[in-house]
């Protein structure tokens, strides 16, 4: 099963994986745009999720932002699934050179991957906007560290912001450079669990100049016709089968 993908991985020397929300759905973390995704879920604020998790909303309505954010974007008990484990195995074997992810859950690292480029940041990292002090996710979830739902710095009392790229917030240029360099120097690019509609991240695929482009996603994407291998199945099932 999936012999063409297995053979391509075996022949490759420098694989890069680029993944999205579909990689983490098998760990119980909802995606954004599917029928059961975060954008479809009812919330109590009468505002669309895209507005609530935007940078302007964070600045103007920090308490509401954090109430929503803690309930909908943090899944600290989630565990890596077969896809995360398979990618870590490929890295350990020297095949996989980097994971470029749009996810913010830290599950690639939890699964054993070392070189993870987090395009949209991580809920596991948080910093004071005033003094820059670092705080982990446990700190911001502890009510004793918060005023209402807003976590405050124990050093200076400043508001803490998650190291997550919000809507209307610019991506980190250094992270973008790393991601583009990884993709452009790979001889095989595996794209999984992403609909490839969120830019500029989806544009990374255009920098790939290597031999084999493999797309693994439950639904069709606009890049299917450009790929050498297309598999419409869950990423965990496919990679778990191919990488023993």
C-alpha atoms as a PDB file:
ATOM      1  CA  UNK A   1       0.000   0.000   0.000  1.00  0.00           C
ATOM      2  CA  UNK A   2       1.297   3.472  -0.949  1.00  0.00           C
ATOM      3  CA  UNK A   3       4.236   1.815  -2.742  1.00  0.00           C
ATOM      4  CA  UNK A   4       5.012   4.884  -4.845  1.00  0.00           C
ATOM      5  CA  UNK A   5       5.326   7.067  -1.728  1.00  0.00           C
ATOM      6  CA  UNK A   6       7.412   4.452   0.054  1.00  0.00           C
ATOM      7  CA  UNK A   7       9.780   4.143  -2.904  1.00  0.00           C
ATOM      8  CA  UNK A   8      10.138   7.905  -3.221  1.00  0.00           C
ATOM      9  CA  UNK A   9      11.009   8.258   0.462  1.00  0.00           C
ATOM     10  CA  UNK A  10      13.531   5.448   0.168  1.00  0.00           C
ATOM     11  CA  UNK A  11      15.239   7.154  -2.783  1.00  0.00           C
ATOM     12  CA  UNK A  12      15.257  10.659  -1.287  1.00  0.00           C
ATOM     13  CA  UNK A  13      18.160  12.092   0.688  1.00  0.00           C
ATOM     14  CA  UNK A  14      16.774  15.447   1.783  1.00  0.00           C
ATOM     15  CA  UNK A  15      13.038  15.393   2.601  1.00  0.00           C
ATOM     16  CA  UNK A  16      11.095  18.341   3.968  1.00  0.00           C
ATOM     17  CA  UNK A  17       7.584  18.009   5.356  1.00  0.00           C
ATOM     18  CA  UNK A  18       5.133  20.901   5.177  1.00  0.00           C
ATOM     19  CA  UNK A  19       1.970  20.399   7.192  1.00  0.00           C
ATOM     20  CA  UNK A  20      -1.189  22.055   8.420  1.00  0.00           C
ATOM     21  CA  UNK A  21      -4.085  21.546  10.786  1.00  0.00           C
ATOM     22  CA  UNK A  22      -4.968  18.128   9.358  1.00  0.00           C
ATOM     23  CA  UNK A  23      -1.812  16.726  10.929  1.00  0.00           C
ATOM     24  CA  UNK A  24      -3.181  17.407  14.414  1.00  0.00           C
ATOM     25  CA  UNK A  25      -6.857  16.504  13.967  1.00  0.00           C
ATOM     26  CA  UNK A  26      -5.992  12.858  14.637  1.00  0.00           C
ATOM     27  CA  UNK A  27      -4.705  14.025  18.018  1.00  0.00           C
ATOM     28  CA  UNK A  28      -8.109  15.491  18.849  1.00  0.00           C
ATOM     29  CA  UNK A  29      -7.315  19.089  17.921  1.00  0.00           C
ATOM     30  CA  UNK A  30      -9.954  20.586  15.606  1.00  0.00           C
ATOM     31  CA  UNK A  31      -8.921  22.309  12.424  1.00  0.00           C
ATOM     32  CA  UNK A  32     -10.267  25.683  11.374  1.00  0.00           C
ATOM     33  CA  UNK A  33     -12.253  25.369   8.165  1.00  0.00           C
ATOM     34  CA  UNK A  34     -13.844  21.914   8.075  1.00  0.00           C
ATOM     35  CA  UNK A  35     -17.431  21.140   9.032  1.00  0.00           C
ATOM     36  CA  UNK A  36     -16.370  20.493  12.633  1.00  0.00           C
ATOM     37  CA  UNK A  37     -13.660  23.135  12.691  1.00  0.00           C
ATOM     38  CA  UNK A  38     -13.153  26.071  15.016  1.00  0.00           C
ATOM     39  CA  UNK A  39     -14.662  28.544  12.548  1.00  0.00           C
ATOM     40  CA  UNK A  40     -17.942  26.604  12.511  1.00  0.00           C
ATOM     41  CA  UNK A  41     -18.258  26.311  16.283  1.00  0.00           C
ATOM     42  CA  UNK A  42     -20.640  28.625  18.077  1.00  0.00           C
ATOM     43  CA  UNK A  43     -19.070  31.129  20.449  1.00  0.00           C
ATOM     44  CA  UNK A  44     -20.612  33.403  23.066  1.00  0.00           C
ATOM     45  CA  UNK A  45     -19.190  36.696  21.829  1.00  0.00           C
ATOM     46  CA  UNK A  46     -21.158  37.330  18.646  1.00  0.00           C
ATOM     47  CA  UNK A  47     -17.924  37.866  16.728  1.00  0.00           C
ATOM     48  CA  UNK A  48     -16.347  35.625  14.079  1.00  0.00           C
ATOM     49  CA  UNK A  49     -13.292  33.682  15.301  1.00  0.00           C
ATOM     50  CA  UNK A  50     -11.088  35.408  12.726  1.00  0.00           C
ATOM     51  CA  UNK A  51     -11.847  38.708  14.452  1.00  0.00           C
ATOM     52  CA  UNK A  52     -11.436  37.407  18.006  1.00  0.00           C
ATOM     53  CA  UNK A  53      -7.998  35.955  17.319  1.00  0.00           C
ATOM     54  CA  UNK A  54      -6.738  39.015  15.457  1.00  0.00           C
ATOM     55  CA  UNK A  55      -4.043  41.379  16.683  1.00  0.00           C
ATOM     56  CA  UNK A  56      -6.354  44.440  16.861  1.00  0.00           C
ATOM     57  CA  UNK A  57      -8.892  42.481  18.913  1.00  0.00           C
ATOM     58  CA  UNK A  58      -6.148  41.245  21.252  1.00  0.00           C
ATOM     59  CA  UNK A  59      -5.092  44.830  21.867  1.00  0.00           C
ATOM     60  CA  UNK A  60      -8.607  46.243  22.346  1.00  0.00           C
ATOM     61  CA  UNK A  61     -10.393  43.310  23.994  1.00  0.00           C
ATOM     62  CA  UNK A  62      -7.627  41.349  25.691  1.00  0.00           C
ATOM     63  CA  UNK A  63      -9.875  39.732  28.303  1.00  0.00           C
ATOM     64  CA  UNK A  64     -12.308  38.370  25.705  1.00  0.00           C
ATOM     65  CA  UNK A  65      -9.429  37.298  23.476  1.00  0.00           C
ATOM     66  CA  UNK A  66      -7.868  35.234  26.254  1.00  0.00           C
ATOM     67  CA  UNK A  67     -11.150  33.700  27.332  1.00  0.00           C
ATOM     68  CA  UNK A  68     -11.723  32.461  23.779  1.00  0.00           C
ATOM     69  CA  UNK A  69      -8.089  31.555  23.146  1.00  0.00           C
ATOM     70  CA  UNK A  70      -7.748  29.387  26.247  1.00  0.00           C
ATOM     71  CA  UNK A  71     -10.953  27.500  25.487  1.00  0.00           C
ATOM     72  CA  UNK A  72     -10.381  26.952  21.775  1.00  0.00           C
ATOM     73  CA  UNK A  73      -6.702  26.989  20.866  1.00  0.00           C
ATOM     74  CA  UNK A  74      -4.892  25.294  23.745  1.00  0.00           C
ATOM     75  CA  UNK A  75      -4.948  21.487  23.976  1.00  0.00           C
ATOM     76  CA  UNK A  76      -2.149  20.809  26.411  1.00  0.00           C
ATOM     77  CA  UNK A  77      -3.140  17.157  26.962  1.00  0.00           C
ATOM     78  CA  UNK A  78      -3.088  16.272  23.242  1.00  0.00           C
ATOM     79  CA  UNK A  79      -0.619  13.577  22.264  1.00  0.00           C
ATOM     80  CA  UNK A  80       1.357  13.030  19.043  1.00  0.00           C
ATOM     81  CA  UNK A  81      -0.281  10.729  16.516  1.00  0.00           C
ATOM     82  CA  UNK A  82       1.116   8.341  13.907  1.00  0.00           C
ATOM     83  CA  UNK A  83       2.065  11.199  11.576  1.00  0.00           C
ATOM     84  CA  UNK A  84       4.161  12.994  14.199  1.00  0.00           C
ATOM     85  CA  UNK A  85       5.877   9.753  15.195  1.00  0.00           C
ATOM     86  CA  UNK A  86       6.600   8.767  11.589  1.00  0.00           C
ATOM     87  CA  UNK A  87       8.168  12.136  10.801  1.00  0.00           C
ATOM     88  CA  UNK A  88      10.385  11.928  13.883  1.00  0.00           C
ATOM     89  CA  UNK A  89      11.528   8.484  12.737  1.00  0.00           C
ATOM     90  CA  UNK A  90      12.387   9.825   9.279  1.00  0.00           C
ATOM     91  CA  UNK A  91      14.408  12.615  10.863  1.00  0.00           C
ATOM     92  CA  UNK A  92      16.246  10.193  13.141  1.00  0.00           C
ATOM     93  CA  UNK A  93      17.081   8.077  10.084  1.00  0.00           C
ATOM     94  CA  UNK A  94      18.642  11.111   8.412  1.00  0.00           C
ATOM     95  CA  UNK A  95      16.014  11.312   5.665  1.00  0.00           C
ATOM     96  CA  UNK A  96      13.928  14.236   6.885  1.00  0.00           C
ATOM     97  CA  UNK A  97      15.775  17.525   7.196  1.00  0.00           C
ATOM     98  CA  UNK A  98      12.986  19.783   8.478  1.00  0.00           C
ATOM     99  CA  UNK A  99       9.333  20.007   9.415  1.00  0.00           C
ATOM    100  CA  UNK A 100       7.656  23.240   8.376  1.00  0.00           C
ATOM    101  CA  UNK A 101       4.352  23.519  10.194  1.00  0.00           C
ATOM    102  CA  UNK A 102       1.444  25.927  10.344  1.00  0.00           C
ATOM    103  CA  UNK A 103       0.338  24.339  13.620  1.00  0.00           C
ATOM    104  CA  UNK A 104       0.821  25.977  17.008  1.00  0.00           C
ATOM    105  CA  UNK A 105       0.403  22.951  19.285  1.00  0.00           C
ATOM    106  CA  UNK A 106       4.009  21.763  19.672  1.00  0.00           C
ATOM    107  CA  UNK A 107       3.096  18.152  18.866  1.00  0.00           C
ATOM    108  CA  UNK A 108       5.920  17.677  16.355  1.00  0.00           C
ATOM    109  CA  UNK A 109       8.482  18.344  19.075  1.00  0.00           C
ATOM    110  CA  UNK A 110       6.514  16.241  21.538  1.00  0.00           C
ATOM    111  CA  UNK A 111       6.617  13.426  18.979  1.00  0.00           C
ATOM    112  CA  UNK A 112      10.402  13.618  18.743  1.00  0.00           C
ATOM    113  CA  UNK A 113      11.146  15.967  15.832  1.00  0.00           C
ATOM    114  CA  UNK A 114      14.087  18.305  16.397  1.00  0.00           C
ATOM    115  CA  UNK A 115      14.210  20.694  13.437  1.00  0.00           C
ATOM    116  CA  UNK A 116      10.691  22.159  13.460  1.00  0.00           C
ATOM    117  CA  UNK A 117       9.996  25.500  11.788  1.00  0.00           C
ATOM    118  CA  UNK A 118       6.810  26.907  13.314  1.00  0.00           C
ATOM    119  CA  UNK A 119       5.457  29.436  10.823  1.00  0.00           C
ATOM    120  CA  UNK A 120       2.599  30.558  13.070  1.00  0.00           C
ATOM    121  CA  UNK A 121       4.360  30.246  16.428  1.00  0.00           C
ATOM    122  CA  UNK A 122       3.389  28.099  19.403  1.00  0.00           C
ATOM    123  CA  UNK A 123       0.917  28.202  22.288  1.00  0.00           C
ATOM    124  CA  UNK A 124       3.692  26.752  24.451  1.00  0.00           C
ATOM    125  CA  UNK A 125       5.649  30.011  24.370  1.00  0.00           C
ATOM    126  CA  UNK A 126       4.465  33.307  25.805  1.00  0.00           C
ATOM    127  CA  UNK A 127       6.210  36.603  26.500  1.00  0.00           C
ATOM    128  CA  UNK A 128       5.548  39.761  28.475  1.00  0.00           C
ATOM    129  CA  UNK A 129       4.904  42.674  26.143  1.00  0.00           C
ATOM    130  CA  UNK A 130       6.708  45.051  28.529  1.00  0.00           C
ATOM    131  CA  UNK A 131       9.894  43.287  29.637  1.00  0.00           C
ATOM    132  CA  UNK A 132       9.984  40.254  27.349  1.00  0.00           C
ATOM    133  CA  UNK A 133       9.993  37.675  30.161  1.00  0.00           C
ATOM    134  CA  UNK A 134       9.175  34.154  28.990  1.00  0.00           C
ATOM    135  CA  UNK A 135       6.286  32.076  30.355  1.00  0.00           C
ATOM    136  CA  UNK A 136       5.109  28.565  29.545  1.00  0.00           C
ATOM    137  CA  UNK A 137       1.542  27.547  28.798  1.00  0.00           C
ATOM    138  CA  UNK A 138       0.938  26.334  32.345  1.00  0.00           C
ATOM    139  CA  UNK A 139       1.614  29.822  33.673  1.00  0.00           C
ATOM    140  CA  UNK A 140      -0.943  31.552  31.479  1.00  0.00           C
ATOM    141  CA  UNK A 141      -3.576  28.910  32.277  1.00  0.00           C
ATOM    142  CA  UNK A 142      -3.164  29.380  36.037  1.00  0.00           C
ATOM    143  CA  UNK A 143      -5.916  31.758  37.248  1.00  0.00           C
ATOM    144  CA  UNK A 144      -3.685  32.957  40.069  1.00  0.00           C
ATOM    145  CA  UNK A 145      -1.420  34.568  37.464  1.00  0.00           C
ATOM    146  CA  UNK A 146      -4.275  36.363  35.735  1.00  0.00           C
ATOM    147  CA  UNK A 147      -6.436  39.425  36.087  1.00  0.00           C
ATOM    148  CA  UNK A 148      -9.725  38.091  34.773  1.00  0.00           C
ATOM    149  CA  UNK A 149      -8.497  35.867  31.967  1.00  0.00           C
ATOM    150  CA  UNK A 150      -5.445  38.019  31.161  1.00  0.00           C
ATOM    151  CA  UNK A 151      -2.084  36.568  32.301  1.00  0.00           C
ATOM    152  CA  UNK A 152       0.231  39.161  33.819  1.00  0.00           C
ATOM    153  CA  UNK A 153       4.006  39.159  34.160  1.00  0.00           C
ATOM    154  CA  UNK A 154       5.219  38.307  37.654  1.00  0.00           C
ATOM    155  CA  UNK A 155       8.236  40.569  37.148  1.00  0.00           C
ATOM    156  CA  UNK A 156       6.716  43.816  35.890  1.00  0.00           C
ATOM    157  CA  UNK A 157       2.966  43.279  35.785  1.00  0.00           C
ATOM    158  CA  UNK A 158       2.803  43.645  32.004  1.00  0.00           C
ATOM    159  CA  UNK A 159       0.370  41.784  29.781  1.00  0.00           C
ATOM    160  CA  UNK A 160       1.637  38.492  28.387  1.00  0.00           C
ATOM    161  CA  UNK A 161       1.075  37.658  24.716  1.00  0.00           C
ATOM    162  CA  UNK A 162       1.205  34.172  23.215  1.00  0.00           C
ATOM    163  CA  UNK A 163       3.986  33.577  20.712  1.00  0.00           C
ATOM    164  CA  UNK A 164       1.307  32.934  18.104  1.00  0.00           C
ATOM    165  CA  UNK A 165       0.842  34.832  14.859  1.00  0.00           C
ATOM    166  CA  UNK A 166      -2.617  36.382  15.046  1.00  0.00           C
ATOM    167  CA  UNK A 167      -4.713  37.622  12.159  1.00  0.00           C
ATOM    168  CA  UNK A 168      -3.427  40.960  10.850  1.00  0.00           C
ATOM    169  CA  UNK A 169      -0.034  40.255  12.424  1.00  0.00           C
ATOM    170  CA  UNK A 170       3.040  39.884  10.241  1.00  0.00           C
ATOM    171  CA  UNK A 171       4.879  36.589  10.057  1.00  0.00           C
ATOM    172  CA  UNK A 172       8.419  36.482  11.418  1.00  0.00           C
ATOM    173  CA  UNK A 173      10.791  37.208   8.534  1.00  0.00           C
ATOM    174  CA  UNK A 174      13.549  34.973   9.942  1.00  0.00           C
ATOM    175  CA  UNK A 175      11.134  32.048  10.238  1.00  0.00           C
ATOM    176  CA  UNK A 176       9.908  32.629   6.683  1.00  0.00           C
ATOM    177  CA  UNK A 177      13.493  32.645   5.431  1.00  0.00           C
ATOM    178  CA  UNK A 178      14.238  29.355   7.191  1.00  0.00           C
ATOM    179  CA  UNK A 179      11.106  27.755   5.775  1.00  0.00           C
ATOM    180  CA  UNK A 180      11.809  28.883   2.207  1.00  0.00           C
ATOM    181  CA  UNK A 181      15.425  27.731   2.440  1.00  0.00           C
ATOM    182  CA  UNK A 182      14.371  24.306   3.728  1.00  0.00           C
ATOM    183  CA  UNK A 183      11.786  23.800   0.984  1.00  0.00           C
ATOM    184  CA  UNK A 184      13.989  25.116  -1.817  1.00  0.00           C
ATOM    185  CA  UNK A 185      16.896  22.796  -0.968  1.00  0.00           C
ATOM    186  CA  UNK A 186      14.852  19.602  -0.514  1.00  0.00           C
ATOM    187  CA  UNK A 187      14.902  16.784  -3.057  1.00  0.00           C
ATOM    188  CA  UNK A 188      11.456  15.624  -1.872  1.00  0.00           C
ATOM    189  CA  UNK A 189       8.639  17.684  -0.406  1.00  0.00           C
ATOM    190  CA  UNK A 190       5.807  15.973   1.438  1.00  0.00           C
ATOM    191  CA  UNK A 191       2.805  18.227   1.984  1.00  0.00           C
ATOM    192  CA  UNK A 192       0.216  16.883   4.386  1.00  0.00           C
ATOM    193  CA  UNK A 193      -2.913  17.855   6.262  1.00  0.00           C
ATOM    194  CA  UNK A 194      -3.309  21.259   4.652  1.00  0.00           C
ATOM    195  CA  UNK A 195      -5.783  22.631   2.131  1.00  0.00           C
ATOM    196  CA  UNK A 196      -3.095  25.031   0.866  1.00  0.00           C
ATOM    197  CA  UNK A 197      -5.346  28.069   0.956  1.00  0.00           C
ATOM    198  CA  UNK A 198      -3.701  30.112   3.742  1.00  0.00           C
ATOM    199  CA  UNK A 199      -1.059  32.490   2.432  1.00  0.00           C
ATOM    200  CA  UNK A 200       1.762  33.257   2.557  1.00  0.00           C
ATOM    201  CA  UNK A 201       2.450  29.832   4.070  1.00  0.00           C
ATOM    202  CA  UNK A 202       0.735  27.956   1.230  1.00  0.00           C
ATOM    203  CA  UNK A 203       3.097  29.692  -1.173  1.00  0.00           C
ATOM    204  CA  UNK A 204       6.072  27.758   0.211  1.00  0.00           C
ATOM    205  CA  UNK A 205       5.272  24.964  -2.213  1.00  0.00           C
ATOM    206  CA  UNK A 206       6.230  27.257  -5.099  1.00  0.00           C
ATOM    207  CA  UNK A 207       9.835  27.333  -3.871  1.00  0.00           C
ATOM    208  CA  UNK A 208      10.240  23.580  -4.258  1.00  0.00           C
ATOM    209  CA  UNK A 209      12.589  22.703  -7.108  1.00  0.00           C
ATOM    210  CA  UNK A 210      13.368  19.104  -6.146  1.00  0.00           C
ATOM    211  CA  UNK A 211      12.401  15.785  -7.658  1.00  0.00           C
ATOM    212  CA  UNK A 212       9.230  14.540  -5.967  1.00  0.00           C
ATOM    213  CA  UNK A 213       6.259  16.498  -4.659  1.00  0.00           C
ATOM    214  CA  UNK A 214       3.837  14.375  -2.625  1.00  0.00           C
ATOM    215  CA  UNK A 215       0.474  15.729  -1.444  1.00  0.00           C
ATOM    216  CA  UNK A 216      -1.398  13.872   1.278  1.00  0.00           C
ATOM    217  CA  UNK A 217      -4.714  15.419   2.260  1.00  0.00           C
ATOM    218  CA  UNK A 218      -8.245  14.130   2.769  1.00  0.00           C
ATOM    219  CA  UNK A 219      -9.645  16.574   0.230  1.00  0.00           C
ATOM    220  CA  UNK A 220      -8.395  17.916  -3.083  1.00  0.00           C
ATOM    221  CA  UNK A 221      -6.116  20.963  -3.203  1.00  0.00           C
ATOM    222  CA  UNK A 222      -5.361  23.461  -5.934  1.00  0.00           C
ATOM    223  CA  UNK A 223      -1.885  21.932  -6.256  1.00  0.00           C
ATOM    224  CA  UNK A 224      -2.942  18.309  -6.844  1.00  0.00           C
ATOM    225  CA  UNK A 225      -2.335  18.509 -10.595  1.00  0.00           C
ATOM    226  CA  UNK A 226       1.230  19.708 -10.000  1.00  0.00           C
ATOM    227  CA  UNK A 227       2.157  16.869  -7.646  1.00  0.00           C
ATOM    228  CA  UNK A 228       3.945  13.642  -8.513  1.00  0.00           C
ATOM    229  CA  UNK A 229       2.101  11.708  -5.816  1.00  0.00           C
ATOM    230  CA  UNK A 230      -1.410  12.538  -4.607  1.00  0.00           C
ATOM    231  CA  UNK A 231      -3.106  10.591  -1.797  1.00  0.00           C
ATOM    232  CA  UNK A 232      -6.526  11.606  -0.501  1.00  0.00           C
ATOM    233  CA  UNK A 233      -6.351   9.996   2.921  1.00  0.00           C
ATOM    234  CA  UNK A 234      -5.509  10.961   6.488  1.00  0.00           C
ATOM    235  CA  UNK A 235      -1.857  11.855   6.969  1.00  0.00           C
ATOM    236  CA  UNK A 236      -1.498   9.680  10.076  1.00  0.00           C
ATOM    237  CA  UNK A 237      -2.787   6.584   8.300  1.00  0.00           C
ATOM    238  CA  UNK A 238      -0.537   7.108   5.301  1.00  0.00           C
ATOM    239  CA  UNK A 239       2.726   7.976   7.054  1.00  0.00           C
ATOM    240  CA  UNK A 240       2.081   5.435   9.789  1.00  0.00           C
ATOM    241  CA  UNK A 241       1.790   2.759   7.095  1.00  0.00           C
ATOM    242  CA  UNK A 242       4.806   3.845   5.083  1.00  0.00           C
ATOM    243  CA  UNK A 243       7.223   4.540   7.924  1.00  0.00           C
ATOM    244  CA  UNK A 244       7.472   1.432  10.091  1.00  0.00           C
END
